[in-house]
Protein backbone atom coordinates (compact mmCIF):
# COMPACT_ATOMS: atom_id res chain seq x y z
CA HIS A 1 0.00 -0.01 0.00
CA ARG A 2 3.02 2.28 -0.03
CA PHE A 3 2.30 3.52 -3.54
CA ALA A 4 -1.33 4.34 -2.65
CA VAL A 5 -0.22 6.18 0.49
CA ALA A 6 2.40 8.10 -1.41
CA MET A 7 -0.13 9.04 -4.07
CA THR A 8 -2.58 10.19 -1.43
CA ILE A 9 0.05 12.36 0.28
CA GLY A 10 1.15 13.73 -3.10
CA VAL A 11 -2.36 14.65 -4.06
CA GLY A 12 -2.93 16.24 -0.64
CA ILE A 13 0.21 18.38 -0.97
CA ALA A 14 -0.67 19.39 -4.52
CA ALA A 15 -4.18 20.38 -3.35
CA SER A 16 -2.75 22.40 -0.48
CA VAL A 17 -0.28 24.23 -2.78
CA THR A 18 -3.00 24.91 -5.32
CA GLY A 19 -5.35 26.11 -2.58
CA TYR A 20 -2.68 28.42 -1.10
CA HIS A 21 -1.87 29.83 -4.52
CA TYR A 22 -5.58 30.41 -5.23
CA TYR A 23 -5.95 32.15 -1.84
CA GLY A 24 -2.96 34.40 -2.59
CA VAL A 25 -4.28 35.33 -6.01
CA LYS A 26 -7.75 35.96 -4.61
CA LEU A 27 -6.37 38.11 -1.78
CA GLU A 28 -4.28 40.20 -4.16
CA SER A 29 -7.24 40.61 -6.47
CA MET A 30 -9.36 41.86 -3.56
CA GLN A 31 -6.67 44.28 -2.48
CA GLN A 32 -6.37 45.63 -6.01
CA ALA A 33 -10.14 46.07 -6.21
CA GLN A 34 -10.14 47.94 -2.91
CA LEU A 35 -7.29 50.15 -4.11
CA ALA A 36 -9.07 50.89 -7.39
CA ASP A 37 -12.21 51.79 -5.48
CA ARG A 38 -10.29 54.05 -3.11
CA ASN A 39 -8.54 55.75 -6.03
CA LEU A 40 -11.87 56.31 -7.76
CA LYS A 41 -13.37 57.81 -4.65
CA LEU A 42 -10.25 59.98 -4.21
CA ALA A 43 -10.51 61.23 -7.80
CA GLU A 44 -14.20 61.92 -7.33
CA ALA A 45 -13.51 63.82 -4.14
CA MET A 46 -10.88 65.93 -5.82
CA LEU A 47 -13.11 66.67 -8.78
CA ALA A 48 -15.84 67.74 -6.42
CA GLN A 49 -13.53 70.47 -5.18
CA VAL A 50 -13.72 72.11 -8.59
CA ASP A 51 -17.28 73.27 -7.91
CA VAL A 52 -16.78 74.08 -4.23
CA LYS A 53 -17.19 77.76 -3.46
CA VAL A 54 -14.20 78.71 -1.33
CA VAL A 55 -13.03 82.01 0.01
CA SER A 56 -9.45 81.61 -1.06
CA GLU A 57 -7.00 79.46 -3.02
CA ILE A 58 -5.46 78.18 0.19
CA GLU A 59 -8.85 76.76 1.22
CA ARG A 60 -9.12 74.95 -2.10
CA GLN A 61 -5.58 73.56 -1.61
CA ARG A 62 -6.42 72.35 1.89
CA ALA A 63 -9.54 70.60 0.59
CA LEU A 64 -7.46 68.83 -2.05
CA VAL A 65 -4.86 67.66 0.49
CA ALA A 66 -7.65 66.52 2.80
CA SER A 67 -9.10 64.46 -0.01
CA ALA A 68 -5.72 62.90 -0.87
CA SER A 69 -5.21 61.95 2.77
CA GLN A 70 -8.10 59.49 2.50
CA VAL A 71 -5.93 57.01 0.60
CA GLN A 72 -5.26 53.78 2.60
CA LEU A 73 -1.50 53.27 2.66
CA GLU A 74 -1.81 49.58 3.56
CA LEU A 75 -3.29 48.94 0.15
CA LEU A 76 -0.31 50.45 -1.65
CA PRO A 77 2.93 48.75 -2.56
CA LYS A 78 5.75 49.85 -0.24
CA ALA A 79 7.47 52.14 -2.78
CA GLN A 80 4.19 53.92 -3.60
CA ALA A 81 3.26 54.26 0.04
CA VAL A 82 6.62 55.88 0.78
CA ARG A 83 6.36 58.27 -2.14
CA PHE A 84 2.74 59.20 -1.44
CA THR A 85 3.39 59.78 2.29
CA GLN A 86 6.28 62.09 1.48
CA SER A 87 4.11 64.02 -0.94
CA LEU A 88 1.39 64.42 1.69
CA MET A 89 3.95 65.48 4.30
CA GLU A 90 5.38 68.18 2.02
CA ALA A 91 1.93 69.33 0.85
CA ASN A 92 0.72 69.82 4.39
CA LYS A 93 3.76 71.93 5.18
CA VAL A 94 3.19 74.10 2.10
CA ILE A 95 -0.38 74.91 3.15
CA GLY A 96 0.82 75.62 6.72
CA ASP A 97 -0.83 72.60 8.36
CA TYR A 98 2.09 71.57 10.55
CA THR A 99 0.00 69.26 12.71
CA ASN A 100 -0.88 66.96 9.79
CA ALA A 101 2.56 67.43 8.26
CA ARG A 102 3.99 65.96 11.49
CA VAL A 103 1.53 63.04 11.31
CA GLU A 104 2.70 62.22 7.76
CA ASN A 105 6.29 62.77 8.77
CA GLU A 106 6.00 60.20 11.53
CA LYS A 107 4.47 57.75 9.09
CA LEU A 108 7.32 58.31 6.65
CA LEU A 109 9.97 57.80 9.38
CA GLU A 110 8.27 54.51 10.35
CA LEU A 111 7.94 53.33 6.72
CA THR A 112 11.62 53.94 5.94
CA SER A 113 13.29 53.15 9.27
CA GLY A 114 16.20 50.66 8.94
CA LEU A 115 15.69 50.14 5.16
CA PRO A 116 18.79 50.93 3.09
CA GLU A 117 16.78 51.17 -0.11
CA TYR A 118 14.86 54.10 1.44
CA ALA A 119 17.88 55.83 3.04
CA ILE A 120 17.32 59.06 1.18
CA GLU A 121 13.61 59.22 2.03
CA HIS A 122 14.46 58.54 5.71
CA LEU A 123 17.11 61.29 5.63
CA ILE A 124 14.59 63.76 4.13
CA ALA A 125 12.00 62.73 6.77
CA SER A 126 14.57 63.25 9.57
CA LYS A 127 15.44 66.72 8.27
CA PHE A 128 11.73 67.53 7.97
CA ALA A 129 11.14 66.47 11.57
CA LEU A 130 13.90 68.81 12.73
CA GLU A 131 12.53 71.64 10.62
CA LEU A 132 9.00 71.17 12.05
CA ASP A 133 10.37 71.18 15.59
CA ILE A 134 12.14 74.50 14.95
CA LEU A 135 8.99 75.98 13.31
CA ASP A 136 7.08 74.87 16.47
CA ASN A 137 9.81 76.41 18.71
CA HIS A 138 10.96 73.01 19.98
CA HIS A 139 14.66 73.56 20.00
CA LYS A 140 15.86 70.69 22.13
CA ASP A 141 19.05 69.03 20.77
CA THR A 142 18.70 70.80 17.46
CA ASP A 143 22.50 71.10 16.98
CA LYS A 144 23.05 67.39 17.77
CA ARG A 145 20.26 66.43 15.38
CA LEU A 146 21.70 68.55 12.58
CA THR A 147 25.11 66.92 13.18
CA ALA A 148 23.36 63.51 12.87
CA LEU A 149 21.82 64.64 9.59
CA ILE A 150 25.27 65.62 8.30
CA GLU A 151 26.63 62.21 9.21
CA MET A 152 23.70 60.45 7.54
CA ALA A 153 24.19 62.46 4.36
CA SER A 154 27.93 61.76 4.33
CA ALA A 155 27.24 58.04 4.65
CA LEU A 156 25.02 57.82 1.55
CA PRO A 157 26.63 55.62 -1.13
CA ASP A 158 25.50 58.06 -3.86
CA ALA A 159 25.09 61.78 -3.11
CA ARG A 160 24.10 62.67 -6.67
CA ASP A 161 20.36 62.05 -6.25
CA ALA A 162 18.48 65.27 -7.03
CA ARG A 163 16.07 64.53 -4.17
CA LEU A 164 18.86 65.60 -1.82
CA PHE A 165 18.13 69.23 -2.72
CA ALA A 166 15.49 68.89 -0.03
CA LEU A 167 18.32 68.97 2.51
CA VAL A 168 19.18 72.53 1.62
CA ASP A 169 15.65 73.88 1.40
CA TRP A 170 14.78 75.22 4.88
CA GLU A 171 11.97 77.63 5.73
CA ILE A 172 13.58 78.72 8.96
CA GLY A 173 16.81 80.24 7.61
CA THR A 174 19.79 79.66 9.92
CA ALA A 175 18.17 80.37 13.30
CA PRO A 176 18.61 78.84 15.81
CA LEU A 177 21.11 76.54 14.11
CA SER A 178 24.69 77.66 13.49
CA ASN A 179 25.87 78.80 10.04
CA GLN A 180 28.85 76.44 10.36
CA GLN A 181 26.59 73.38 10.68
CA TYR A 182 24.45 74.50 7.77
CA HIS A 183 27.54 74.88 5.63
CA GLN A 184 28.69 71.42 6.62
CA LEU A 185 25.35 69.96 5.56
CA PHE A 186 25.40 71.85 2.26
CA ALA A 187 29.00 70.86 1.60
CA SER A 188 28.13 67.20 2.05
CA VAL A 189 25.60 67.23 -0.80
CA ILE A 190 25.81 70.34 -2.97
CA PRO A 191 29.06 69.55 -4.81
CA HIS A 192 27.50 66.31 -6.10
CA LEU A 193 24.20 67.68 -7.33
CA GLU A 194 23.05 68.96 -10.72
CA PRO A 195 19.92 71.13 -10.63
CA ASN A 196 17.01 69.83 -12.75
CA ASP A 197 15.01 73.04 -12.72
CA ILE A 198 15.16 76.76 -11.84
CA ASN A 199 14.10 76.19 -8.21
CA GLN A 200 16.95 73.74 -7.57
CA ALA A 201 19.36 76.10 -9.34
CA MET A 202 18.28 78.97 -7.05
CA LEU A 203 18.80 76.77 -3.95
């Protein structure tokens, strides 16, 4: 009966593998359907803002950012979630919503922590966190944190990535950080960068 037993076991294993594969495909299909539905609702919410009567342009921008914030990150692939979170973080800062900018900043730090492939995004998020603290008048250990940023930038295997222009774009000028430290940060990235547009050239 060994042959029969072996066949039974083989069929059972094959059925299990097939069932697991089917479950995986079904789960992925459901996630994609949910993502498509969320994207459709997001697009509809943004289009709805076209007809909204707002007092100012900034109100319209805030409404658009609020709509975009409805996207469920857990349904996005990792790379897209990182990119989208960074965009939301920066958009909230632009419209002056530092509270939500900090929420997105914390998400980005968590998404990129300890992952070499997202070292640049983590560095930008760390710089952003320091900038927000300074804007909120939280000046604890700012010099040490800027020194840590300089060390992180110096440790990057490739400092030619144009995204690193974000490290030299500060709203708060040089206060309360020292000019010397700013110059060290700039010196660690600027010599390697080529501007892609007029804004980067001006920086």
